[in-house]
Protein backbone atom coordinates (compact mmCIF):
# COMPACT_ATOMS: atom_id res chain seq x y z
CA UNK A 1 38.58 6.51 -76.82
CA UNK A 2 35.19 6.92 -78.40
CA UNK A 3 32.02 7.17 -76.35
CA UNK A 4 28.73 6.58 -78.01
CA UNK A 5 25.96 9.11 -77.65
CA UNK A 6 23.78 6.49 -75.93
CA UNK A 7 26.52 5.52 -73.47
CA UNK A 8 27.17 9.15 -72.64
CA UNK A 9 23.48 9.85 -72.03
CA UNK A 10 22.97 6.77 -69.86
CA UNK A 11 26.03 7.54 -67.75
CA UNK A 12 25.12 11.18 -67.27
CA UNK A 13 21.50 10.44 -66.38
CA UNK A 14 22.57 7.70 -63.93
CA UNK A 15 24.96 10.11 -62.19
CA UNK A 16 22.30 12.80 -61.93
CA UNK A 17 19.77 10.31 -60.52
CA UNK A 18 22.32 9.29 -57.86
CA UNK A 19 22.84 12.93 -56.92
CA UNK A 20 19.07 13.53 -56.85
CA UNK A 21 18.63 10.52 -54.57
CA UNK A 22 21.32 11.78 -52.18
CA UNK A 23 19.75 15.25 -52.24
CA UNK A 24 16.30 13.81 -51.52
CA UNK A 25 17.73 11.83 -48.57
CA UNK A 26 19.25 15.00 -47.13
CA UNK A 27 16.00 16.92 -47.63
CA UNK A 28 14.09 14.17 -45.82
CA UNK A 29 16.56 14.23 -42.91
CA UNK A 30 16.20 18.02 -42.63
CA UNK A 31 12.40 17.75 -42.73
CA UNK A 32 12.32 15.05 -39.97
CA UNK A 33 15.21 16.44 -37.96
CA UNK A 34 16.65 12.93 -37.78
CA UNK A 35 19.91 11.59 -39.08
CA UNK A 36 18.79 7.98 -38.75
CA UNK A 37 15.24 6.96 -39.58
CA UNK A 38 15.78 3.61 -41.33
CA UNK A 39 18.31 0.79 -40.85
CA UNK A 40 19.93 1.79 -44.15
CA UNK A 41 20.93 5.17 -42.74
CA UNK A 42 23.19 3.66 -40.04
CA UNK A 43 22.58 -0.01 -39.16
CA UNK A 44 24.51 0.02 -35.87
CA UNK A 45 23.02 3.30 -34.67
CA UNK A 46 19.53 2.13 -35.68
CA UNK A 47 19.82 -0.95 -33.42
CA UNK A 48 20.88 1.22 -30.47
CA UNK A 49 18.04 3.65 -31.19
CA UNK A 50 15.52 0.81 -31.06
CA UNK A 51 16.92 -0.32 -27.69
CA UNK A 52 16.75 3.21 -26.30
CA UNK A 53 13.18 3.68 -27.51
CA UNK A 54 12.17 0.39 -25.88
CA UNK A 55 13.78 1.58 -22.63
CA UNK A 56 11.87 4.87 -22.88
CA UNK A 57 8.57 3.06 -23.43
CA UNK A 58 9.28 0.80 -20.45
CA UNK A 59 10.14 3.83 -18.31
CA UNK A 60 6.86 5.51 -19.27
CA UNK A 61 4.92 2.44 -18.10
CA UNK A 62 6.87 2.37 -14.84
CA UNK A 63 5.98 6.04 -14.35
CA UNK A 64 2.27 5.26 -14.85
CA UNK A 65 2.47 2.39 -12.34
CA UNK A 66 4.29 4.65 -9.90
CA UNK A 67 1.59 7.32 -10.18
CA UNK A 68 -1.16 4.75 -9.64
CA UNK A 69 0.60 3.28 -6.59
CA UNK A 70 1.29 6.72 -5.14
CA UNK A 71 -2.34 7.79 -5.55
CA UNK A 72 -3.71 4.67 -3.85
CA UNK A 73 -1.15 4.82 -1.03
CA UNK A 74 -1.94 8.50 -0.47
CA UNK A 75 -5.63 7.62 -0.17
CA UNK A 76 -4.73 4.83 2.25
CA UNK A 77 -2.65 7.21 4.37
CA UNK A 78 -5.60 9.61 4.55
CA UNK A 79 -7.77 6.69 5.63
CA UNK A 80 -5.38 6.06 8.52
CA UNK A 81 -5.52 9.73 9.50
CA UNK A 82 -9.31 9.53 9.64
CA UNK A 83 -9.17 6.19 11.47
CA UNK A 84 -6.88 7.67 14.13
CA UNK A 85 -9.37 10.49 14.70
CA UNK A 86 -12.23 8.03 15.10
CA UNK A 87 -10.18 5.83 17.43
CA UNK A 88 -9.34 8.83 19.62
CA UNK A 89 -13.03 9.66 20.01
CA UNK A 90 -13.93 6.02 20.72
CA UNK A 91 -11.28 5.83 23.42
CA UNK A 92 -12.62 8.99 25.06
CA UNK A 93 -16.11 7.51 25.09
CA UNK A 94 -14.89 4.25 26.66
CA UNK A 95 -13.06 6.20 29.37
CA UNK A 96 -16.23 8.21 29.97
CA UNK A 97 -18.30 5.02 30.18
CA UNK A 98 -15.98 3.67 32.88
CA UNK A 99 -17.21 6.27 35.35
CA UNK A 100 -19.63 3.87 37.01
CA UNK A 101 -20.13 6.11 40.06
CA UNK A 102 -21.92 8.90 38.20
CA UNK A 103 -23.39 7.39 35.02
CA UNK A 104 -26.85 5.89 34.82
CA UNK A 105 -28.00 3.18 32.44
CA UNK A 106 -29.50 5.91 30.23
CA UNK A 107 -26.15 7.71 30.15
CA UNK A 108 -24.37 4.52 29.13
CA UNK A 109 -26.94 3.86 26.43
CA UNK A 110 -26.29 7.34 25.03
CA UNK A 111 -22.58 6.59 24.90
CA UNK A 112 -23.35 3.26 23.21
CA UNK A 113 -25.39 5.11 20.57
CA UNK A 114 -22.46 7.36 19.69
CA UNK A 115 -20.07 4.42 19.73
CA UNK A 116 -22.33 2.63 17.25
CA UNK A 117 -22.17 5.71 15.01
CA UNK A 118 -18.36 5.77 15.26
CA UNK A 119 -18.36 2.06 14.42
CA UNK A 120 -20.33 2.78 11.23
CA UNK A 121 -17.89 5.58 10.40
CA UNK A 122 -14.95 3.23 10.84
CA UNK A 123 -16.58 0.66 8.56
CA UNK A 124 -17.11 3.36 5.92
CA UNK A 125 -13.40 4.21 6.07
CA UNK A 126 -12.48 0.54 5.71
CA UNK A 127 -14.74 0.32 2.62
CA UNK A 128 -13.27 3.36 0.84
CA UNK A 129 -12.63 3.34 -2.91
CA UNK A 130 -10.10 5.04 -5.14
CA UNK A 131 -10.86 7.18 -8.21
CA UNK A 132 -11.35 4.04 -10.34
CA UNK A 133 -14.00 2.63 -8.02
CA UNK A 134 -11.63 -0.02 -6.63
CA UNK A 135 -11.68 -0.72 -2.88
CA UNK A 136 -8.49 0.15 -1.01
CA UNK A 137 -8.60 -2.66 1.56
CA UNK A 138 -9.99 -5.69 -0.31
CA UNK A 139 -6.67 -7.25 -1.39
CA UNK A 140 -6.71 -8.64 -4.92
CA UNK A 141 -10.52 -8.49 -4.96
CA UNK A 142 -10.55 -4.75 -5.62
CA UNK A 143 -14.15 -4.80 -6.91
CA UNK A 144 -15.49 -6.52 -3.78
CA UNK A 145 -16.56 -4.41 -0.80
CA UNK A 146 -14.21 -5.72 1.91
CA UNK A 147 -16.37 -5.37 5.04
CA UNK A 148 -19.97 -6.49 5.19
CA UNK A 149 -22.51 -6.35 8.02
CA UNK A 150 -23.11 -3.48 10.39
CA UNK A 151 -26.31 -1.88 11.68
CA UNK A 152 -26.41 -4.24 14.64
CA UNK A 153 -24.94 -7.30 12.87
CA UNK A 154 -21.30 -8.42 13.18
CA UNK A 155 -18.93 -6.78 10.69
CA UNK A 156 -16.87 -9.36 8.83
CA UNK A 157 -14.09 -9.24 6.25
CA UNK A 158 -14.98 -10.78 2.87
CA UNK A 159 -11.94 -9.73 0.83
CA UNK A 160 -8.77 -11.77 0.43
CA UNK A 161 -5.40 -11.50 2.14
CA UNK A 162 -3.37 -10.52 -0.90
CA UNK A 163 -1.78 -7.20 -1.85
CA UNK A 164 -1.51 -6.04 -5.46
CA UNK A 165 2.09 -5.41 -6.50
CA UNK A 166 2.95 -2.77 -9.11
CA UNK A 167 6.31 -2.71 -10.88
CA UNK A 168 7.86 0.75 -10.62
CA UNK A 169 11.29 -0.08 -12.04
CA UNK A 170 13.00 -2.97 -13.77
CA UNK A 171 14.00 -4.40 -10.40
CA UNK A 172 11.43 -3.04 -7.90
CA UNK A 173 7.79 -3.68 -7.10
CA UNK A 174 5.63 -2.00 -4.47
CA UNK A 175 2.28 -2.98 -2.96
CA UNK A 176 -0.30 -0.29 -3.65
CA UNK A 177 -2.33 -0.96 -0.47
CA UNK A 178 -2.86 -3.28 2.51
CA UNK A 179 -5.66 -5.81 2.71
CA UNK A 180 -8.42 -5.28 5.26
CA UNK A 181 -7.60 -8.41 7.27
CA UNK A 182 -4.07 -7.17 7.86
CA UNK A 183 -5.24 -3.70 8.87
CA UNK A 184 -8.52 -4.05 10.76
CA UNK A 185 -8.74 -7.72 11.80
CA UNK A 186 -5.27 -9.04 12.57
CA UNK A 187 -4.79 -6.97 15.73
CA UNK A 188 -3.09 -8.74 18.67
CA UNK A 189 -5.24 -9.12 21.76
CA UNK A 190 -4.35 -7.60 25.11
CA UNK A 191 -0.67 -6.75 25.45
CA UNK A 192 0.29 -9.03 22.59
CA UNK A 193 1.30 -11.82 24.96
CA UNK A 194 -1.89 -12.50 26.91
CA UNK A 195 -5.35 -11.06 27.45
CA UNK A 196 -7.45 -10.97 30.62
CA UNK A 197 -11.21 -11.20 31.03
CA UNK A 198 -14.01 -11.67 33.52
CA UNK A 199 -16.68 -14.36 33.32
CA UNK A 200 -20.05 -12.66 32.79
CA UNK A 201 -21.75 -15.26 35.00
CA UNK A 202 -19.74 -14.24 38.09
CA UNK A 203 -21.82 -13.32 41.14
CA UNK A 204 -19.19 -11.47 43.17
CA UNK A 205 -17.70 -7.99 42.76
CA UNK A 206 -14.20 -9.08 41.76
CA UNK A 207 -12.41 -7.12 39.02
CA UNK A 208 -9.26 -8.07 37.08
CA UNK A 209 -6.73 -5.66 35.57
CA UNK A 210 -5.01 -5.98 32.20
CA UNK A 211 -1.91 -7.56 33.77
CA UNK A 212 1.74 -7.41 32.76
CA UNK A 213 4.61 -9.64 31.68
CA UNK A 214 7.31 -9.97 34.33
CA UNK A 215 9.44 -12.78 32.84
CA UNK A 216 8.85 -13.33 29.13
CA UNK A 217 10.89 -16.57 28.80
CA UNK A 218 8.83 -18.19 31.58
CA UNK A 219 5.53 -17.58 29.80
CA UNK A 220 3.88 -20.75 28.51
CA UNK A 221 1.24 -19.79 25.90
CA UNK A 222 -2.08 -21.31 26.93
CA UNK A 223 -5.57 -20.36 28.11
CA UNK A 224 -5.58 -20.16 31.92
CA UNK A 225 -8.52 -19.89 34.32
CA UNK A 226 -8.36 -18.39 37.80
CA UNK A 227 -11.15 -20.02 39.83
CA UNK A 228 -12.08 -18.92 43.34
CA UNK A 229 -12.59 -22.00 45.47
CA UNK A 230 -13.65 -19.65 48.29
CA UNK A 231 -13.76 -15.88 48.70
CA UNK A 232 -10.17 -16.03 50.01
CA UNK A 233 -8.60 -18.83 47.95
CA UNK A 234 -8.02 -19.47 44.26
CA UNK A 235 -6.52 -22.01 41.91
CA UNK A 236 -5.13 -21.55 38.40
CA UNK A 237 -5.72 -24.24 35.78
CA UNK A 238 -4.48 -24.53 32.19
CA UNK A 239 -6.45 -25.22 29.02
CA UNK A 240 -5.79 -28.96 28.88
CA UNK A 241 -8.53 -31.60 29.05
CA UNK A 242 -8.69 -32.50 31.85
CA UNK A 243 -7.26 -29.25 33.18
CA UNK A 244 -4.04 -29.24 35.18
CA UNK A 245 -3.69 -27.14 38.32
CA UNK A 246 -0.84 -24.69 37.69
CA UNK A 247 -0.92 -22.83 41.01
CA UNK A 248 -3.02 -22.26 44.13
CA UNK A 249 -2.94 -19.34 46.53
CA UNK A 250 -4.60 -17.20 49.14
CA UNK A 251 -6.47 -14.20 47.78
CA UNK A 252 -5.88 -10.68 49.02
CA UNK A 253 -7.64 -7.88 47.19
CA UNK A 254 -5.13 -5.80 45.23
CA UNK A 255 -2.27 -8.28 45.67
CA UNK A 256 -0.57 -9.42 42.46
CA UNK A 257 -1.09 -13.01 41.34
CA UNK A 258 2.06 -14.12 39.53
CA UNK A 259 2.48 -17.35 37.57
CA UNK A 260 4.37 -18.53 34.47
CA UNK A 261 6.10 -15.19 34.03
CA UNK A 262 2.98 -13.00 34.09
CA UNK A 263 1.25 -10.99 36.78
CA UNK A 264 -2.41 -9.98 37.18
CA UNK A 265 -4.23 -8.19 39.97
CA UNK A 266 -7.77 -8.91 41.13
CA UNK A 267 -9.61 -6.49 43.40
CA UNK A 268 -13.00 -6.55 45.06
CA UNK A 269 -14.85 -9.45 46.64
CA UNK A 270 -15.11 -12.49 44.34
CA UNK A 271 -17.67 -15.13 45.20
CA UNK A 272 -16.99 -18.83 45.41
CA UNK A 273 -17.01 -20.26 41.88
CA UNK A 274 -16.21 -16.94 40.16
CA UNK A 275 -13.68 -17.26 37.36
CA UNK A 276 -11.29 -14.95 35.53
CA UNK A 277 -9.42 -15.64 32.28
CA UNK A 278 -5.79 -15.17 31.34
CA UNK A 279 -5.63 -16.30 27.71
CA UNK A 280 -2.79 -16.35 25.23
CA UNK A 281 -3.04 -13.47 22.79
CA UNK A 282 -4.74 -14.11 19.46
CA UNK A 283 -6.09 -11.53 17.02
CA UNK A 284 -9.22 -9.44 17.35
CA UNK A 285 -11.02 -7.26 14.82
CA UNK A 286 -11.36 -3.61 15.81
CA UNK A 287 -15.02 -3.91 14.80
CA UNK A 288 -15.51 -6.75 17.30
CA UNK A 289 -13.78 -4.73 20.02
CA UNK A 290 -16.02 -1.69 19.60
CA UNK A 291 -19.13 -3.81 18.98
CA UNK A 292 -18.58 -5.67 22.26
CA UNK A 293 -18.39 -2.36 24.15
CA UNK A 294 -21.62 -1.18 22.50
CA UNK A 295 -23.39 -4.38 23.57
CA UNK A 296 -21.99 -4.11 27.09
CA UNK A 297 -23.10 -0.51 27.56
CA UNK A 298 -26.62 -1.36 26.45
CA UNK A 299 -26.91 -3.85 29.35
CA UNK A 300 -28.27 -2.62 32.69
CA UNK A 301 -25.71 -2.02 35.43
CA UNK A 302 -25.71 -0.38 38.86
CA UNK A 303 -25.03 -3.06 41.46
CA UNK A 304 -21.52 -4.02 42.55
CA UNK A 305 -21.47 -7.25 40.53
CA UNK A 306 -22.53 -5.59 37.26
CA UNK A 307 -20.18 -2.65 37.85
CA UNK A 308 -17.27 -5.04 38.44
CA UNK A 309 -17.93 -6.82 35.14
CA UNK A 310 -18.32 -3.49 33.36
CA UNK A 311 -15.10 -2.07 34.82
CA UNK A 312 -13.04 -5.18 34.02
CA UNK A 313 -14.33 -5.37 30.47
CA UNK A 314 -13.81 -1.66 29.79
CA UNK A 315 -10.24 -1.92 31.08
CA UNK A 316 -9.56 -4.67 28.58
CA UNK A 317 -11.29 -2.69 25.84
CA UNK A 318 -9.12 0.36 26.52
CA UNK A 319 -6.01 -1.77 26.30
CA UNK A 320 -7.29 -3.26 23.05
CA UNK A 321 -7.97 0.23 21.65
CA UNK A 322 -4.39 1.24 22.47
CA UNK A 323 -3.14 -1.95 20.87
CA UNK A 324 -5.21 -1.22 17.75
CA UNK A 325 -3.98 2.38 17.59
CA UNK A 326 -0.37 1.21 17.75
CA UNK A 327 -1.17 -1.36 15.09
CA UNK A 328 -2.62 1.30 12.78
CA UNK A 329 0.42 3.51 13.32
CA UNK A 330 2.66 0.60 12.37
CA UNK A 331 0.75 -0.03 9.14
CA UNK A 332 0.73 3.69 8.39
CA UNK A 333 4.52 3.72 8.80
CA UNK A 334 4.70 1.00 6.14
CA UNK A 335 2.66 3.22 3.83
CA UNK A 336 5.15 6.04 4.45
CA UNK A 337 8.07 3.76 3.62
CA UNK A 338 6.40 2.73 0.35
CA UNK A 339 5.71 6.35 -0.63
CA UNK A 340 9.35 7.23 0.14
CA UNK A 341 10.49 4.30 -1.99
CA UNK A 342 8.34 5.49 -4.89
CA UNK A 343 9.75 9.02 -4.59
CA UNK A 344 13.29 7.66 -4.61
CA UNK A 345 12.63 5.43 -7.62
CA UNK A 346 10.91 8.32 -9.43
CA UNK A 347 13.98 10.52 -8.95
CA UNK A 348 16.28 7.80 -10.27
CA UNK A 349 13.99 7.14 -13.24
CA UNK A 350 13.78 10.85 -14.12
CA UNK A 351 17.58 11.07 -14.12
CA UNK A 352 17.78 7.96 -16.29
CA UNK A 353 15.18 9.42 -18.69
CA UNK A 354 17.39 12.47 -19.19
CA UNK A 355 20.35 10.23 -20.02
CA UNK A 356 18.21 8.18 -22.42
CA UNK A 357 17.01 11.30 -24.23
CA UNK A 358 20.55 12.66 -24.48
CA UNK A 359 21.96 9.40 -25.85
CA UNK A 360 19.04 9.02 -28.26
CA UNK A 361 19.54 12.57 -29.49
CA UNK A 362 23.24 11.94 -30.10
CA UNK A 363 22.47 8.86 -32.19
CA UNK A 364 19.35 9.96 -34.05
CA UNK A 365 19.06 13.74 -34.20
CA UNK A 366 20.39 15.70 -37.14
CA UNK A 367 23.14 18.33 -37.09
CA UNK A 368 21.24 20.96 -39.07
CA UNK A 369 24.26 23.12 -39.91
CA UNK A 370 26.19 20.20 -41.32
CA UNK A 371 23.17 18.76 -43.11
CA UNK A 372 22.22 22.06 -44.77
CA UNK A 373 25.83 22.60 -45.88
CA UNK A 374 25.87 19.11 -47.41
CA UNK A 375 22.48 19.71 -49.02
CA UNK A 376 23.68 22.98 -50.60
CA UNK A 377 26.84 21.29 -51.83
CA UNK A 378 24.80 18.42 -53.26
CA UNK A 379 22.41 20.86 -54.90
CA UNK A 380 25.27 22.79 -56.56
CA UNK A 381 26.76 19.54 -57.82
CA UNK A 382 23.40 18.42 -59.23
CA UNK A 383 22.84 21.78 -60.94
CA UNK A 384 26.35 21.70 -62.45
CA UNK A 385 25.79 18.16 -63.72
CA UNK A 386 22.46 19.14 -65.26
CA UNK A 387 23.92 22.20 -66.95
CA UNK A 388 26.96 20.33 -68.27
CA UNK A 389 24.75 17.53 -69.58
CA UNK A 390 22.52 20.06 -71.30
CA UNK A 391 25.47 21.69 -73.09
CA UNK A 392 27.35 18.53 -73.97
CA UNK A 393 24.23 16.75 -75.23
CA UNK A 394 23.68 19.59 -77.75
CA UNK A 395 27.13 19.20 -79.28
CA UNK A 396 27.08 17.69 -82.77
CA UNK A 397 29.47 17.48 -85.78
CA UNK A 398 26.77 19.03 -87.86
CA UNK A 399 27.20 22.28 -85.91
CA UNK A 400 30.60 22.68 -87.63
CA UNK A 401 29.62 21.76 -91.17
CA UNK A 402 29.05 24.71 -93.48
């Protein structure tokens, strides 16, 4: 068979170009350290690599969200630590103020001054911000200062009642804080079932305790009034209009008055027409609780009637402080649960990231020893082809003619 010079040259050059292309591909793989960098290298592996890279990118975003949530929750936990310290001092001051036998009006005013300072401190804690300048307790409205007022005016919540959720895994979200209403405002009154109080217009020296629940199923939620029809007799009416008489009885100082599954004790000498309240529990802001004590301590006292009102009110305030402290501990426990959840999810994600990297390496990374061996083999083949082409292309019949 005869092969033309042109056909031989075209075939040889085409073969060498193919070898050069294969050698260049191997050189590029060695330079990048990757076996697959384009779909042409391995279509099936390339698709899996894209999926793994997307999973890695998603995991990185989850890690960022997790860090953000952990930072804000850690700041919130510290806020609860500081709040507990303030609450402890406030409770001590209220207990001190209840010593009506030894304190003068000036002494009580001094206590009120410190309580007002502790109230401002508590408001500052409730208005704390994170490192990005966002408020911890304002719900979704993270750029709005949650609690306004203070300096003698009522402190009110102006945020919303939402909680920002951050996704920390493909299936889990976690709230990065609590809103201020949930933490500082939505605190059950009294013992959580009912709350007692004394009418500030009373003229006698009667005092009411915080009461207790003796038969929970018998309790009928309502606002009840204990009215003294004489210094030795009382009647209990409900909150209906007109009011219904629930119970009547003979008063003995220190004897329990039990009705509708609850029991309260009144001591002292009530006057005819004096009233005491047993109201169903609602919610009460911690700022209102402390503010009411400040106002009360700034009022003159000293006679038996004023001391009775002061003692009854401070008893209720102490119970409310204990209720608020328990409430804060409950919310703080929720923060701890969220932080533990984040730690658990972080551990799982870190393990998954290791698996992703390993699988991605198996699919994409280059086996250098094998690649260099192939590259050397390809290089030898290319050099041999070039040398053979050089020799064969110089052959001519004229070299043998004399």
